[in-house]
Amino acid sequence: MATDKTAVIGFPIDHSLSPVIHNHWIKALGLNIKPYEKISVDPSTFEEQINNLKAEGYGGLNVTVPLKELAFNISDETSGVSKKLKSVNTLSLSFEKINGDNTDAVGFINSLDKKTIEKNITNKKTLVLGAGGSARSVVYALNELGGHVRLFNRTTEKAQILLDDLSLNSSPVRAEELEDYANSSSFIINTTSLGQKAGEHNNILSFENIETETFIYDLIYNPKRSSFLEQAEAKGLKIQNGLRMLIEQAACSFQIWHKIKVDVSNELMSLLESA
């Protein structure tokens, strides 16, 4: 049976496109359940608010920044991926217990086509920019796909902690070797928020000598073309933003709650691009 009340929680939450995605599927499938909502949850009273939402009958919650670690901590049971990432983005609530899962890594994997994985990731040098929560999921996923993953972050210590947490036999890329490593990488992904604000420029990399076959990915999807992707596109490189990953991780959450596998249609992509 489909879960009756679902929502996304965050702080802030106004920007979230998750309601557009989930309500599209709820309507398309004709499910007799409440519309998916977005709810602001203050980290300082997180557990209390989750208990209140549980009492109000919410059975499924997506969790966005900065609440994913808090969601992990209050879960009675967590999936293997969640344990590895120490992060939860999907909560299933019942009176007996709270189950925590993380669909970010599989959402990222599902956002990539098979050709890109084979040509640019498996047994290839991959570079991740940033060491936040999103980077953790991406590094985990790239390692699962057989990529040789290295990480660049302005704070090297933070990058090392992430790699150690995931038990990866890798080392952070130092600032002085970044350009050389990028120029020999097959897949480069930006997981930082640089370029999200209007007029903000992501200048972490120079694209002067990046190989023409290198695939460039940016988790940012609003704007559709970040400054990072614009620079890559100007050099004729293949690019992708984070919109597909957003939908794919949502599809996994939807299946957890409602036991229904949904497709990522062109109609939904168009709907989100115009949202």
C-alpha atoms as a PDB file:
ATOM      1  CA  MET A   1       0.000   0.000   0.000  1.00  0.00           C
ATOM      2  CA  ALA A   2       1.229   3.506  -0.853  1.00  0.00           C
ATOM      3  CA  THR A   3       2.398   5.733   2.000  1.00  0.00           C
ATOM      4  CA  ASP A   4      -0.329   8.344   2.578  1.00  0.00           C
ATOM      5  CA  LYS A   5       1.629  11.405   3.774  1.00  0.00           C
ATOM      6  CA  THR A   6       5.099  12.295   2.453  1.00  0.00           C
ATOM      7  CA  ALA A   7       7.228  15.450   2.391  1.00  0.00           C
ATOM      8  CA  VAL A   8      10.737  16.842   2.096  1.00  0.00           C
ATOM      9  CA  ILE A   9      12.318  18.495   5.118  1.00  0.00           C
ATOM     10  CA  GLY A  10      15.202  20.960   5.167  1.00  0.00           C
ATOM     11  CA  PHE A  11      16.401  24.279   6.537  1.00  0.00           C
ATOM     12  CA  PRO A  12      15.813  26.282   4.364  1.00  0.00           C
ATOM     13  CA  ILE A  13      13.403  24.341   2.153  1.00  0.00           C
ATOM     14  CA  ASP A  14      11.692  26.905  -0.120  1.00  0.00           C
ATOM     15  CA  HIS A  15      14.007  26.147  -3.054  1.00  0.00           C
ATOM     16  CA  SER A  16      13.208  22.413  -3.158  1.00  0.00           C
ATOM     17  CA  LEU A  17      11.883  20.911  -6.411  1.00  0.00           C
ATOM     18  CA  SER A  18      11.051  17.585  -4.736  1.00  0.00           C
ATOM     19  CA  PRO A  19       7.288  18.368  -4.505  1.00  0.00           C
ATOM     20  CA  VAL A  20       7.155  18.931  -8.291  1.00  0.00           C
ATOM     21  CA  ILE A  21       8.764  15.504  -8.852  1.00  0.00           C
ATOM     22  CA  HIS A  22       6.780  13.429  -6.368  1.00  0.00           C
ATOM     23  CA  ASN A  23       3.439  15.087  -7.093  1.00  0.00           C
ATOM     24  CA  HIS A  24       3.978  14.475 -10.818  1.00  0.00           C
ATOM     25  CA  TRP A  25       4.247  10.733 -10.119  1.00  0.00           C
ATOM     26  CA  ILE A  26       1.384  10.709  -7.590  1.00  0.00           C
ATOM     27  CA  LYS A  27      -0.886  12.352 -10.174  1.00  0.00           C
ATOM     28  CA  ALA A  28       0.337  10.249 -13.130  1.00  0.00           C
ATOM     29  CA  LEU A  29      -0.270   7.025 -11.200  1.00  0.00           C
ATOM     30  CA  GLY A  30      -3.611   8.187  -9.813  1.00  0.00           C
ATOM     31  CA  LEU A  31      -2.574   7.400  -6.236  1.00  0.00           C
ATOM     32  CA  ASN A  32      -5.219   8.206  -3.642  1.00  0.00           C
ATOM     33  CA  ILE A  33      -2.802   9.817  -1.194  1.00  0.00           C
ATOM     34  CA  LYS A  34      -2.067  13.323   0.107  1.00  0.00           C
ATOM     35  CA  PRO A  35       0.070  15.683  -2.030  1.00  0.00           C
ATOM     36  CA  TYR A  36       3.790  15.624  -1.213  1.00  0.00           C
ATOM     37  CA  GLU A  37       4.789  18.718   0.794  1.00  0.00           C
ATOM     38  CA  LYS A  38       7.854  20.689   1.821  1.00  0.00           C
ATOM     39  CA  ILE A  39       8.377  21.407   5.517  1.00  0.00           C
ATOM     40  CA  SER A  40      10.967  23.598   7.217  1.00  0.00           C
ATOM     41  CA  VAL A  41      12.607  21.768  10.130  1.00  0.00           C
ATOM     42  CA  ASP A  42      15.015  23.590  12.453  1.00  0.00           C
ATOM     43  CA  PRO A  43      18.107  21.484  13.246  1.00  0.00           C
ATOM     44  CA  SER A  44      18.031  22.651  16.899  1.00  0.00           C
ATOM     45  CA  THR A  45      14.706  20.862  17.523  1.00  0.00           C
ATOM     46  CA  PHE A  46      15.077  18.118  14.914  1.00  0.00           C
ATOM     47  CA  GLU A  47      14.096  15.023  16.898  1.00  0.00           C
ATOM     48  CA  GLU A  48      11.079  16.717  18.480  1.00  0.00           C
ATOM     49  CA  GLN A  49       9.801  17.862  15.086  1.00  0.00           C
ATOM     50  CA  ILE A  50      10.274  14.416  13.528  1.00  0.00           C
ATOM     51  CA  ASN A  51       8.249  12.870  16.375  1.00  0.00           C
ATOM     52  CA  ASN A  52       5.536  15.489  15.782  1.00  0.00           C
ATOM     53  CA  LEU A  53       5.430  14.685  12.053  1.00  0.00           C
ATOM     54  CA  LYS A  54       5.257  10.969  12.858  1.00  0.00           C
ATOM     55  CA  ALA A  55       2.310  11.649  15.196  1.00  0.00           C
ATOM     56  CA  GLU A  56       0.628  13.637  12.398  1.00  0.00           C
ATOM     57  CA  GLY A  57       0.754  10.557  10.171  1.00  0.00           C
ATOM     58  CA  TYR A  58       3.724  11.298   7.916  1.00  0.00           C
ATOM     59  CA  GLY A  59       5.128   7.966   6.750  1.00  0.00           C
ATOM     60  CA  GLY A  60       7.915   9.148   4.442  1.00  0.00           C
ATOM     61  CA  LEU A  61      10.296  12.091   4.573  1.00  0.00           C
ATOM     62  CA  ASN A  62      13.051  13.137   2.208  1.00  0.00           C
ATOM     63  CA  VAL A  63      15.850  14.910   4.031  1.00  0.00           C
ATOM     64  CA  THR A  64      18.006  17.662   2.583  1.00  0.00           C
ATOM     65  CA  VAL A  65      20.845  19.797   3.962  1.00  0.00           C
ATOM     66  CA  PRO A  66      21.660  20.411   6.755  1.00  0.00           C
ATOM     67  CA  LEU A  67      19.633  17.579   8.298  1.00  0.00           C
ATOM     68  CA  LYS A  68      21.028  14.376   6.767  1.00  0.00           C
ATOM     69  CA  GLU A  69      23.425  13.505   9.601  1.00  0.00           C
ATOM     70  CA  LEU A  70      20.734  14.260  12.203  1.00  0.00           C
ATOM     71  CA  ALA A  71      18.375  11.935  10.321  1.00  0.00           C
ATOM     72  CA  PHE A  72      21.029   9.212  10.439  1.00  0.00           C
ATOM     73  CA  ASN A  73      21.452   9.683  14.183  1.00  0.00           C
ATOM     74  CA  ILE A  74      17.738   9.307  15.021  1.00  0.00           C
ATOM     75  CA  SER A  75      17.115   6.276  12.776  1.00  0.00           C
ATOM     76  CA  ASP A  76      16.443   2.999  14.595  1.00  0.00           C
ATOM     77  CA  GLU A  77      17.563   1.011  11.554  1.00  0.00           C
ATOM     78  CA  THR A  78      19.727   2.161   8.643  1.00  0.00           C
ATOM     79  CA  SER A  79      20.716   0.684   5.290  1.00  0.00           C
ATOM     80  CA  GLY A  80      24.278  -0.399   4.540  1.00  0.00           C
ATOM     81  CA  VAL A  81      24.863   2.633   2.308  1.00  0.00           C
ATOM     82  CA  SER A  82      23.585   4.990   5.018  1.00  0.00           C
ATOM     83  CA  LYS A  83      25.966   3.442   7.536  1.00  0.00           C
ATOM     84  CA  LYS A  84      28.876   3.908   5.141  1.00  0.00           C
ATOM     85  CA  LEU A  85      27.933   7.526   4.392  1.00  0.00           C
ATOM     86  CA  LYS A  86      26.763   8.331   7.959  1.00  0.00           C
ATOM     87  CA  SER A  87      23.951  10.173   6.238  1.00  0.00           C
ATOM     88  CA  VAL A  88      20.230   9.616   5.572  1.00  0.00           C
ATOM     89  CA  ASN A  89      18.120  11.333   2.916  1.00  0.00           C
ATOM     90  CA  THR A  90      15.049   9.057   3.117  1.00  0.00           C
ATOM     91  CA  LEU A  91      13.123   8.338   6.314  1.00  0.00           C
ATOM     92  CA  SER A  92      10.323   5.779   6.620  1.00  0.00           C
ATOM     93  CA  LEU A  93       8.298   6.418   9.775  1.00  0.00           C
ATOM     94  CA  SER A  94       6.060   4.020  11.662  1.00  0.00           C
ATOM     95  CA  PHE A  95       4.896   3.901  15.276  1.00  0.00           C
ATOM     96  CA  GLU A  96       7.358   1.086  15.984  1.00  0.00           C
ATOM     97  CA  LYS A  97      10.518   2.547  14.446  1.00  0.00           C
ATOM     98  CA  ILE A  98      12.258   4.956  12.068  1.00  0.00           C
ATOM     99  CA  ASN A  99      14.096   3.453   9.092  1.00  0.00           C
ATOM    100  CA  GLY A 100      16.829   5.506   7.424  1.00  0.00           C
ATOM    101  CA  ASP A 101      18.124   5.064   3.885  1.00  0.00           C
ATOM    102  CA  ASN A 102      20.293   7.020   1.477  1.00  0.00           C
ATOM    103  CA  THR A 103      19.402   7.176  -2.212  1.00  0.00           C
ATOM    104  CA  ASP A 104      21.942   9.840  -3.215  1.00  0.00           C
ATOM    105  CA  ALA A 105      24.662   7.428  -4.353  1.00  0.00           C
ATOM    106  CA  VAL A 106      22.352   5.192  -6.386  1.00  0.00           C
ATOM    107  CA  GLY A 107      20.627   8.322  -7.729  1.00  0.00           C
ATOM    108  CA  PHE A 108      23.980   9.559  -9.000  1.00  0.00           C
ATOM    109  CA  ILE A 109      24.819   6.170 -10.546  1.00  0.00           C
ATOM    110  CA  ASN A 110      21.405   5.977 -12.243  1.00  0.00           C
ATOM    111  CA  SER A 111      21.860   9.485 -13.648  1.00  0.00           C
ATOM    112  CA  LEU A 112      24.786   8.288 -15.768  1.00  0.00           C
ATOM    113  CA  ASP A 113      24.388   6.413 -19.018  1.00  0.00           C
ATOM    114  CA  LYS A 114      26.171   3.086 -19.476  1.00  0.00           C
ATOM    115  CA  LYS A 115      28.532   4.443 -22.135  1.00  0.00           C
ATOM    116  CA  THR A 116      29.780   7.235 -19.850  1.00  0.00           C
ATOM    117  CA  ILE A 117      30.393   4.780 -17.001  1.00  0.00           C
ATOM    118  CA  GLU A 118      32.383   2.419 -19.239  1.00  0.00           C
ATOM    119  CA  LYS A 119      34.290   5.110 -21.146  1.00  0.00           C
ATOM    120  CA  ASN A 120      34.956   7.696 -18.434  1.00  0.00           C
ATOM    121  CA  ILE A 121      34.723   6.051 -15.004  1.00  0.00           C
ATOM    122  CA  THR A 122      35.479   2.321 -14.735  1.00  0.00           C
ATOM    123  CA  ASN A 123      39.268   1.881 -14.338  1.00  0.00           C
ATOM    124  CA  LYS A 124      39.724   5.574 -15.173  1.00  0.00           C
ATOM    125  CA  LYS A 125      41.031   8.579 -13.238  1.00  0.00           C
ATOM    126  CA  THR A 126      38.133  10.530 -11.710  1.00  0.00           C
ATOM    127  CA  LEU A 127      38.308  13.834  -9.870  1.00  0.00           C
ATOM    128  CA  VAL A 128      35.796  15.098  -7.307  1.00  0.00           C
ATOM    129  CA  LEU A 129      35.808  18.791  -6.353  1.00  0.00           C
ATOM    130  CA  GLY A 130      34.593  19.462  -2.803  1.00  0.00           C
ATOM    131  CA  ALA A 131      34.348  17.386   0.373  1.00  0.00           C
ATOM    132  CA  GLY A 132      30.846  18.061   1.719  1.00  0.00           C
ATOM    133  CA  GLY A 133      27.934  15.668   2.136  1.00  0.00           C
ATOM    134  CA  SER A 134      27.233  15.443  -1.599  1.00  0.00           C
ATOM    135  CA  ALA A 135      30.888  14.646  -2.296  1.00  0.00           C
ATOM    136  CA  ARG A 136      30.687  11.735   0.136  1.00  0.00           C
ATOM    137  CA  SER A 137      27.876  10.101  -1.879  1.00  0.00           C
ATOM    138  CA  VAL A 138      29.602  10.777  -5.205  1.00  0.00           C
ATOM    139  CA  VAL A 139      32.982   9.412  -4.052  1.00  0.00           C
ATOM    140  CA  TYR A 140      31.263   6.286  -2.724  1.00  0.00           C
ATOM    141  CA  ALA A 141      29.394   5.835  -6.037  1.00  0.00           C
ATOM    142  CA  LEU A 142      32.450   6.386  -8.241  1.00  0.00           C
ATOM    143  CA  ASN A 143      34.389   3.845  -6.195  1.00  0.00           C
ATOM    144  CA  GLU A 144      31.497   1.366  -6.574  1.00  0.00           C
ATOM    145  CA  LEU A 145      31.683   1.898 -10.352  1.00  0.00           C
ATOM    146  CA  GLY A 146      35.395   1.043 -10.340  1.00  0.00           C
ATOM    147  CA  GLY A 147      36.735   4.561 -10.805  1.00  0.00           C
ATOM    148  CA  HIS A 148      40.135   5.606  -9.455  1.00  0.00           C
ATOM    149  CA  VAL A 149      38.853   8.433  -7.256  1.00  0.00           C
ATOM    150  CA  ARG A 150      40.783  11.395  -5.973  1.00  0.00           C
ATOM    151  CA  LEU A 151      39.389  14.411  -4.216  1.00  0.00           C
ATOM    152  CA  PHE A 152      40.249  18.100  -4.174  1.00  0.00           C
ATOM    153  CA  ASN A 153      39.100  20.408  -1.403  1.00  0.00           C
ATOM    154  CA  ARG A 154      40.498  23.757  -0.303  1.00  0.00           C
ATOM    155  CA  THR A 155      40.885  22.185   3.155  1.00  0.00           C
ATOM    156  CA  THR A 156      42.991  19.081   2.530  1.00  0.00           C
ATOM    157  CA  GLU A 157      42.292  17.685   6.012  1.00  0.00           C
ATOM    158  CA  LYS A 158      38.551  17.543   5.293  1.00  0.00           C
ATOM    159  CA  ALA A 159      39.190  15.652   2.060  1.00  0.00           C
ATOM    160  CA  GLN A 160      41.418  13.151   3.886  1.00  0.00           C
ATOM    161  CA  ILE A 161      38.763  12.550   6.562  1.00  0.00           C
ATOM    162  CA  LEU A 162      36.175  11.789   3.862  1.00  0.00           C
ATOM    163  CA  LEU A 163      38.490   9.306   2.116  1.00  0.00           C
ATOM    164  CA  ASP A 164      39.379   7.650   5.428  1.00  0.00           C
ATOM    165  CA  ASP A 165      35.708   7.395   6.448  1.00  0.00           C
ATOM    166  CA  LEU A 166      34.962   5.530   3.219  1.00  0.00           C
ATOM    167  CA  SER A 167      38.093   3.341   3.634  1.00  0.00           C
ATOM    168  CA  LEU A 168      39.413   4.416   0.230  1.00  0.00           C
ATOM    169  CA  ASN A 169      43.013   3.807  -0.685  1.00  0.00           C
ATOM    170  CA  SER A 170      43.385   7.301  -2.113  1.00  0.00           C
ATOM    171  CA  SER A 171      44.832  10.688  -1.255  1.00  0.00           C
ATOM    172  CA  PRO A 172      43.594  14.271  -1.639  1.00  0.00           C
ATOM    173  CA  VAL A 173      44.827  16.242  -4.636  1.00  0.00           C
ATOM    174  CA  ARG A 174      47.035  19.111  -3.488  1.00  0.00           C
ATOM    175  CA  ALA A 175      46.467  22.607  -4.896  1.00  0.00           C
ATOM    176  CA  GLU A 176      49.786  22.577  -6.734  1.00  0.00           C
ATOM    177  CA  GLU A 177      48.961  19.332  -8.583  1.00  0.00           C
ATOM    178  CA  LEU A 178      45.293  20.067  -9.298  1.00  0.00           C
ATOM    179  CA  GLU A 179      45.652  21.299 -12.882  1.00  0.00           C
ATOM    180  CA  ASP A 180      47.911  18.393 -13.905  1.00  0.00           C
ATOM    181  CA  TYR A 181      45.602  15.831 -12.320  1.00  0.00           C
ATOM    182  CA  ALA A 182      42.511  17.398 -13.885  1.00  0.00           C
ATOM    183  CA  ASN A 183      44.174  17.408 -17.290  1.00  0.00           C
ATOM    184  CA  SER A 184      44.710  13.644 -17.093  1.00  0.00           C
ATOM    185  CA  SER A 185      41.287  12.770 -15.616  1.00  0.00           C
ATOM    186  CA  SER A 186      38.469  11.164 -17.600  1.00  0.00           C
ATOM    187  CA  PHE A 187      35.627  12.319 -15.336  1.00  0.00           C
ATOM    188  CA  ILE A 188      35.463  15.529 -13.285  1.00  0.00           C
ATOM    189  CA  ILE A 189      32.567  16.458 -11.016  1.00  0.00           C
ATOM    190  CA  ASN A 190      31.898  19.632  -9.043  1.00  0.00           C
ATOM    191  CA  THR A 191      30.078  18.957  -5.766  1.00  0.00           C
ATOM    192  CA  THR A 192      30.656  22.433  -4.287  1.00  0.00           C
ATOM    193  CA  SER A 193      27.948  25.125  -4.268  1.00  0.00           C
ATOM    194  CA  LEU A 194      30.201  27.530  -6.201  1.00  0.00           C
ATOM    195  CA  GLY A 195      28.211  28.912  -9.106  1.00  0.00           C
ATOM    196  CA  GLN A 196      24.803  28.493  -7.514  1.00  0.00           C
ATOM    197  CA  LYS A 197      24.303  32.157  -6.662  1.00  0.00           C
ATOM    198  CA  ALA A 198      23.575  34.641  -9.447  1.00  0.00           C
ATOM    199  CA  GLY A 199      26.790  36.029 -10.908  1.00  0.00           C
ATOM    200  CA  GLU A 200      28.972  33.632  -8.906  1.00  0.00           C
ATOM    201  CA  HIS A 201      31.875  32.147 -10.861  1.00  0.00           C
ATOM    202  CA  ASN A 202      33.405  28.737 -10.228  1.00  0.00           C
ATOM    203  CA  ASN A 203      37.103  29.195 -10.953  1.00  0.00           C
ATOM    204  CA  ILE A 204      38.467  26.096  -9.173  1.00  0.00           C
ATOM    205  CA  LEU A 205      39.708  24.725 -12.508  1.00  0.00           C
ATOM    206  CA  SER A 206      41.122  26.162 -15.673  1.00  0.00           C
ATOM    207  CA  PHE A 207      39.727  24.250 -18.640  1.00  0.00           C
ATOM    208  CA  GLU A 208      42.617  25.178 -20.939  1.00  0.00           C
ATOM    209  CA  ASN A 209      44.201  21.734 -21.187  1.00  0.00           C
ATOM    210  CA  ILE A 210      41.421  19.338 -20.217  1.00  0.00           C
ATOM    211  CA  GLU A 211      41.296  16.336 -22.579  1.00  0.00           C
ATOM    212  CA  THR A 212      38.505  16.550 -25.179  1.00  0.00           C
ATOM    213  CA  GLU A 213      37.067  13.170 -24.106  1.00  0.00           C
ATOM    214  CA  THR A 214      36.753  14.174 -20.436  1.00  0.00           C
ATOM    215  CA  PHE A 215      33.196  14.177 -19.055  1.00  0.00           C
ATOM    216  CA  ILE A 216      32.282  17.194 -16.889  1.00  0.00           C
ATOM    217  CA  TYR A 217      29.468  16.942 -14.329  1.00  0.00           C
ATOM    218  CA  ASP A 218      28.148  19.601 -11.946  1.00  0.00           C
ATOM    219  CA  LEU A 219      25.664  18.708  -9.196  1.00  0.00           C
ATOM    220  CA  ILE A 220      24.209  22.214  -9.495  1.00  0.00           C
ATOM    221  CA  TYR A 221      21.005  22.205 -11.587  1.00  0.00           C
ATOM    222  CA  ASN A 222      19.814  25.753 -10.941  1.00  0.00           C
ATOM    223  CA  PRO A 223      21.086  27.526 -12.989  1.00  0.00           C
ATOM    224  CA  LYS A 224      20.811  24.844 -15.674  1.00  0.00           C
ATOM    225  CA  ARG A 225      24.245  25.843 -16.997  1.00  0.00           C
ATOM    226  CA  SER A 226      26.555  26.795 -14.123  1.00  0.00           C
ATOM    227  CA  SER A 227      29.703  28.792 -14.872  1.00  0.00           C
ATOM    228  CA  PHE A 228      31.606  25.493 -14.433  1.00  0.00           C
ATOM    229  CA  LEU A 229      29.580  23.829 -17.199  1.00  0.00           C
ATOM    230  CA  GLU A 230      29.674  26.925 -19.403  1.00  0.00           C
ATOM    231  CA  GLN A 231      33.473  26.875 -19.338  1.00  0.00           C
ATOM    232  CA  ALA A 232      33.519  23.160 -20.175  1.00  0.00           C
ATOM    233  CA  GLU A 233      30.948  23.549 -22.943  1.00  0.00           C
ATOM    234  CA  ALA A 234      32.944  26.389 -24.498  1.00  0.00           C
ATOM    235  CA  LYS A 235      35.827  23.892 -24.838  1.00  0.00           C
ATOM    236  CA  GLY A 236      33.555  21.367 -26.549  1.00  0.00           C
ATOM    237  CA  LEU A 237      33.473  18.969 -23.594  1.00  0.00           C
ATOM    238  CA  LYS A 238      30.546  16.688 -22.760  1.00  0.00           C
ATOM    239  CA  ILE A 239      28.606  18.085 -19.789  1.00  0.00           C
ATOM    240  CA  GLN A 240      25.771  17.193 -17.400  1.00  0.00           C
ATOM    241  CA  ASN A 241      24.067  19.042 -14.559  1.00  0.00           C
ATOM    242  CA  GLY A 242      22.541  17.570 -11.402  1.00  0.00           C
ATOM    243  CA  LEU A 243      18.883  17.527 -12.442  1.00  0.00           C
ATOM    244  CA  ARG A 244      18.853  13.881 -13.511  1.00  0.00           C
ATOM    245  CA  MET A 245      20.443  12.834 -10.211  1.00  0.00           C
ATOM    246  CA  LEU A 246      17.801  14.805  -8.298  1.00  0.00           C
ATOM    247  CA  ILE A 247      15.039  12.892 -10.093  1.00  0.00           C
ATOM    248  CA  GLU A 248      16.752   9.504  -9.833  1.00  0.00           C
ATOM    249  CA  GLN A 249      17.304   9.741  -6.074  1.00  0.00           C
ATOM    250  CA  ALA A 250      13.659  10.815  -5.737  1.00  0.00           C
ATOM    251  CA  ALA A 251      12.560   7.774  -7.773  1.00  0.00           C
ATOM    252  CA  CYS A 252      14.402   5.502  -5.332  1.00  0.00           C
ATOM    253  CA  SER A 253      12.696   7.175  -2.353  1.00  0.00           C
ATOM    254  CA  PHE A 254       9.328   6.887  -4.093  1.00  0.00           C
ATOM    255  CA  GLN A 255       9.869   3.149  -4.551  1.00  0.00           C
ATOM    256  CA  ILE A 256      10.878   2.693  -0.883  1.00  0.00           C
ATOM    257  CA  TRP A 257       7.652   4.337   0.348  1.00  0.00           C
ATOM    258  CA  HIS A 258       5.092   3.294  -2.250  1.00  0.00           C
ATOM    259  CA  LYS A 259       6.599   0.030  -3.590  1.00  0.00           C
ATOM    260  CA  ILE A 260       6.213   1.376  -7.138  1.00  0.00           C
ATOM    261  CA  LYS A 261       9.079   1.758  -9.639  1.00  0.00           C
ATOM    262  CA  VAL A 262       8.720   5.005 -11.595  1.00  0.00           C
ATOM    263  CA  ASP A 263      10.363   6.163 -14.811  1.00  0.00           C
ATOM    264  CA  VAL A 264      12.222   9.412 -15.404  1.00  0.00           C
ATOM    265  CA  SER A 265      10.254  10.753 -18.368  1.00  0.00           C
ATOM    266  CA  ASN A 266      11.117  13.560 -20.775  1.00  0.00           C
ATOM    267  CA  GLU A 267       7.884  15.209 -19.619  1.00  0.00           C
ATOM    268  CA  LEU A 268       9.162  15.355 -16.029  1.00  0.00           C
ATOM    269  CA  MET A 269      12.591  16.643 -17.125  1.00  0.00           C
ATOM    270  CA  SER A 270      10.891  19.425 -19.100  1.00  0.00           C
ATOM    271  CA  LEU A 271       8.602  20.220 -16.178  1.00  0.00           C
ATOM    272  CA  LEU A 272      11.587  20.687 -13.864  1.00  0.00           C
ATOM    273  CA  GLU A 273      13.646  22.663 -16.331  1.00  0.00           C
ATOM    274  CA  SER A 274      10.832  25.199 -16.512  1.00  0.00           C
ATOM    275  CA  ALA A 275      10.078  25.165 -12.764  1.00  0.00           C
END
